[in-house]
């Protein structure tokens, strides 16, 4: 079975003086449901390349949680770790999928800006876009969104208010979506099919 490395959010627990790496177990369950082995990575940038060399993953997933540090987030170590993950996926030419914050990180890596948006937290959106996404109703848990389209970024879907909800990177197997596929119960068959196809 193919192995997918997935990133984790940073939770700051002040009462214990701890910075914890964590991810919803449903991220791992979703990866298993797609037929792949999930491998979480710690937010330790100095060890990220050693980890990747040792695990030799077949693909990478960037998950949700934590704003990017340049937009007020408090987990710069995660930004650095995910930047290395994107670079690794590019170097090895392996598939990469980012959702919510993960999509924002990919957009930032490829030179796009982010902006604050309203009415995108704990709601549902109907997508407008290509045949794969058009008409789908997806969840939304974000207050930041992609502000501009760069040369390498191809928009795949938008919410009805125009906010970019899905994109791909030109000539790469790199995709981003703003919704959380792991938060659907049961998982949406369209998300399962998309992830399976991307990492084949």
Protein backbone atom coordinates (compact mmCIF):
# COMPACT_ATOMS: atom_id res chain seq x y z
CA UNK A 1 0.00 0.00 0.00
CA UNK A 2 1.12 3.54 -0.74
CA UNK A 3 2.08 5.74 2.20
CA UNK A 4 0.87 9.31 2.61
CA UNK A 5 2.54 11.72 5.01
CA UNK A 6 0.12 14.24 6.51
CA UNK A 7 0.81 17.41 8.46
CA UNK A 8 -0.51 18.25 11.92
CA UNK A 9 -1.73 21.40 13.60
CA UNK A 10 0.11 22.97 16.54
CA UNK A 11 -1.93 23.27 19.74
CA UNK A 12 -0.50 25.52 22.44
CA UNK A 13 -1.38 24.30 25.93
CA UNK A 14 -0.32 27.15 28.19
CA UNK A 15 -1.22 25.37 31.43
CA UNK A 16 1.42 22.74 30.71
CA UNK A 17 3.83 24.95 28.76
CA UNK A 18 3.51 22.60 25.78
CA UNK A 19 3.29 22.94 22.01
CA UNK A 20 1.49 19.83 20.81
CA UNK A 21 1.37 18.38 17.30
CA UNK A 22 -2.04 16.86 16.69
CA UNK A 23 -4.61 16.03 14.04
CA UNK A 24 -8.18 14.84 14.07
CA UNK A 25 -8.14 11.03 13.94
CA UNK A 26 -10.62 11.35 11.07
CA UNK A 27 -7.75 12.55 8.86
CA UNK A 28 -6.04 9.18 9.32
CA UNK A 29 -9.35 7.33 8.96
CA UNK A 30 -10.03 9.17 5.69
CA UNK A 31 -6.62 8.18 4.31
CA UNK A 32 -7.23 4.56 5.32
CA UNK A 33 -10.68 4.71 3.68
CA UNK A 34 -8.97 5.77 0.43
CA UNK A 35 -6.73 2.71 0.57
CA UNK A 36 -3.52 4.37 1.73
CA UNK A 37 -1.38 4.24 4.88
CA UNK A 38 -1.41 7.50 6.92
CA UNK A 39 1.86 8.73 8.46
CA UNK A 40 1.75 11.90 10.61
CA UNK A 41 4.78 14.20 10.61
CA UNK A 42 5.94 16.38 13.49
CA UNK A 43 6.49 20.11 13.15
CA UNK A 44 10.26 19.95 13.61
CA UNK A 45 11.65 21.65 10.48
CA UNK A 46 15.28 20.68 11.14
CA UNK A 47 14.29 17.00 11.09
CA UNK A 48 11.73 17.11 8.27
CA UNK A 49 14.09 16.10 5.47
CA UNK A 50 15.51 13.24 7.55
CA UNK A 51 11.95 12.06 8.25
CA UNK A 52 11.04 12.20 4.55
CA UNK A 53 14.19 10.34 3.51
CA UNK A 54 13.43 7.63 6.06
CA UNK A 55 9.72 7.23 5.26
CA UNK A 56 9.98 7.79 1.47
CA UNK A 57 6.26 8.71 1.13
CA UNK A 58 4.24 8.30 -2.05
CA UNK A 59 2.32 11.52 -1.44
CA UNK A 60 1.68 14.38 0.96
CA UNK A 61 -1.47 15.83 2.53
CA UNK A 62 -1.49 19.23 4.22
CA UNK A 63 -4.33 19.46 6.74
CA UNK A 64 -6.34 22.25 8.37
CA UNK A 65 -5.81 24.35 11.50
CA UNK A 66 -3.49 27.28 12.40
CA UNK A 67 -3.36 30.47 10.35
CA UNK A 68 -0.10 31.11 8.52
CA UNK A 69 2.30 33.11 10.71
CA UNK A 70 2.47 36.01 8.23
CA UNK A 71 -1.30 36.42 8.68
CA UNK A 72 -1.28 36.33 12.48
CA UNK A 73 -0.84 32.61 13.16
CA UNK A 74 1.22 31.38 16.10
CA UNK A 75 2.86 28.26 14.63
CA UNK A 76 5.78 29.35 12.41
CA UNK A 77 7.36 25.90 12.82
CA UNK A 78 4.38 24.42 11.01
CA UNK A 79 4.71 26.90 8.14
CA UNK A 80 8.37 25.94 7.77
CA UNK A 81 7.63 22.21 7.95
CA UNK A 82 4.91 22.44 5.31
CA UNK A 83 7.08 24.59 3.06
CA UNK A 84 9.64 21.78 3.12
CA UNK A 85 6.88 19.23 2.39
CA UNK A 86 5.73 21.18 -0.66
CA UNK A 87 9.30 21.51 -1.91
CA UNK A 88 9.82 17.78 -1.39
CA UNK A 89 6.68 16.92 -3.36
CA UNK A 90 7.90 19.17 -6.17
CA UNK A 91 11.39 17.68 -6.13
CA UNK A 92 10.17 14.07 -6.10
CA UNK A 93 7.22 14.80 -8.40
CA UNK A 94 4.75 13.11 -6.05
CA UNK A 95 1.10 14.12 -5.51
CA UNK A 96 0.22 16.75 -2.92
CA UNK A 97 -3.23 17.64 -1.60
CA UNK A 98 -3.94 20.47 0.81
CA UNK A 99 -7.28 21.25 2.40
CA UNK A 100 -8.35 24.43 4.23
CA UNK A 101 -5.11 25.79 5.76
CA UNK A 102 -3.28 23.27 3.55
CA UNK A 103 -4.71 24.94 0.45
CA UNK A 104 -3.76 28.34 1.84
CA UNK A 105 -0.19 27.13 2.41
CA UNK A 106 0.09 25.89 -1.18
CA UNK A 107 -1.31 29.19 -2.48
CA UNK A 108 1.22 31.13 -0.41
CA UNK A 109 4.08 28.91 -1.63
CA UNK A 110 3.16 29.74 -5.23
CA UNK A 111 3.00 33.47 -4.61
CA UNK A 112 -0.69 34.12 -3.95
CA UNK A 113 -1.92 36.40 -1.19
CA UNK A 114 -4.61 35.58 1.37
CA UNK A 115 -7.45 37.78 2.59
CA UNK A 116 -10.03 37.68 5.36
CA UNK A 117 -13.54 36.57 4.37
CA UNK A 118 -16.89 36.48 6.14
CA UNK A 119 -19.65 33.87 6.24
CA UNK A 120 -17.28 30.94 5.64
CA UNK A 121 -17.18 29.42 9.13
CA UNK A 122 -19.44 26.48 10.08
CA UNK A 123 -21.60 26.83 6.96
CA UNK A 124 -22.19 24.95 3.70
CA UNK A 125 -21.46 26.27 0.19
CA UNK A 126 -22.59 25.19 -3.27
CA UNK A 127 -19.65 25.16 -5.66
CA UNK A 128 -19.49 26.64 -9.13
CA UNK A 129 -16.72 25.34 -11.36
CA UNK A 130 -15.57 22.47 -13.50
CA UNK A 131 -17.53 19.25 -13.94
CA UNK A 132 -15.77 17.53 -11.01
CA UNK A 133 -16.90 20.09 -8.44
CA UNK A 134 -19.80 22.02 -9.99
CA UNK A 135 -22.98 21.87 -7.91
CA UNK A 136 -21.36 20.12 -4.95
CA UNK A 137 -22.38 21.28 -1.48
CA UNK A 138 -19.34 21.38 0.79
CA UNK A 139 -18.52 22.37 4.36
CA UNK A 140 -16.65 25.55 5.21
CA UNK A 141 -14.56 26.35 8.31
CA UNK A 142 -12.21 29.15 7.26
CA UNK A 143 -11.90 32.91 7.70
CA UNK A 144 -8.98 33.32 5.28
CA UNK A 145 -9.13 32.75 1.52
CA UNK A 146 -6.99 33.08 -1.60
CA UNK A 147 -7.01 36.70 -2.77
CA UNK A 148 -5.40 36.50 -6.20
CA UNK A 149 -4.68 34.00 -8.97
CA UNK A 150 -1.00 33.57 -9.84
CA UNK A 151 0.47 32.21 -13.07
CA UNK A 152 0.74 28.61 -11.82
CA UNK A 153 -2.61 28.48 -10.03
CA UNK A 154 -5.63 27.23 -11.96
CA UNK A 155 -9.01 27.81 -10.29
CA UNK A 156 -11.22 24.70 -10.27
CA UNK A 157 -14.19 25.93 -8.21
CA UNK A 158 -15.55 28.96 -6.38
CA UNK A 159 -18.27 29.53 -3.80
CA UNK A 160 -21.25 31.50 -5.02
CA UNK A 161 -19.76 34.66 -3.48
CA UNK A 162 -16.66 34.25 -5.67
CA UNK A 163 -14.28 32.91 -3.01
CA UNK A 164 -11.87 30.35 -4.49
CA UNK A 165 -12.73 26.91 -3.10
CA UNK A 166 -10.52 24.61 -5.20
CA UNK A 167 -7.46 24.95 -7.40
CA UNK A 168 -4.69 22.95 -8.98
CA UNK A 169 -1.11 23.84 -9.81
CA UNK A 170 -0.24 23.89 -13.50
CA UNK A 171 1.66 20.80 -14.72
CA UNK A 172 1.73 19.25 -11.23
CA UNK A 173 -0.35 16.77 -9.27
CA UNK A 174 -0.91 19.43 -6.62
CA UNK A 175 -4.46 20.32 -5.58
CA UNK A 176 -6.08 22.43 -2.90
CA UNK A 177 -9.64 22.58 -1.58
CA UNK A 178 -11.02 24.82 1.13
CA UNK A 179 -13.44 22.28 2.58
CA UNK A 180 -12.58 19.57 5.13
CA UNK A 181 -13.20 16.10 3.60
CA UNK A 182 -12.49 14.44 6.96
CA UNK A 183 -15.37 16.27 8.65
CA UNK A 184 -18.08 14.64 6.54
CA UNK A 185 -19.86 11.70 8.15
CA UNK A 186 -19.94 9.51 6.20
CA UNK A 187 -17.13 10.70 3.97
CA UNK A 188 -18.33 12.11 0.66
CA UNK A 189 -17.85 9.59 -2.12
CA UNK A 190 -16.68 12.40 -4.41
CA UNK A 191 -13.85 13.26 -1.98
CA UNK A 192 -12.88 9.59 -1.66
CA UNK A 193 -12.81 9.19 -5.45
CA UNK A 194 -10.76 12.39 -5.88
CA UNK A 195 -8.13 11.40 -3.27
CA UNK A 196 -7.87 7.85 -4.60
CA UNK A 197 -7.32 9.09 -8.15
CA UNK A 198 -4.82 11.78 -7.14
CA UNK A 199 -2.52 9.40 -5.28
CA UNK A 200 -2.77 6.40 -7.63
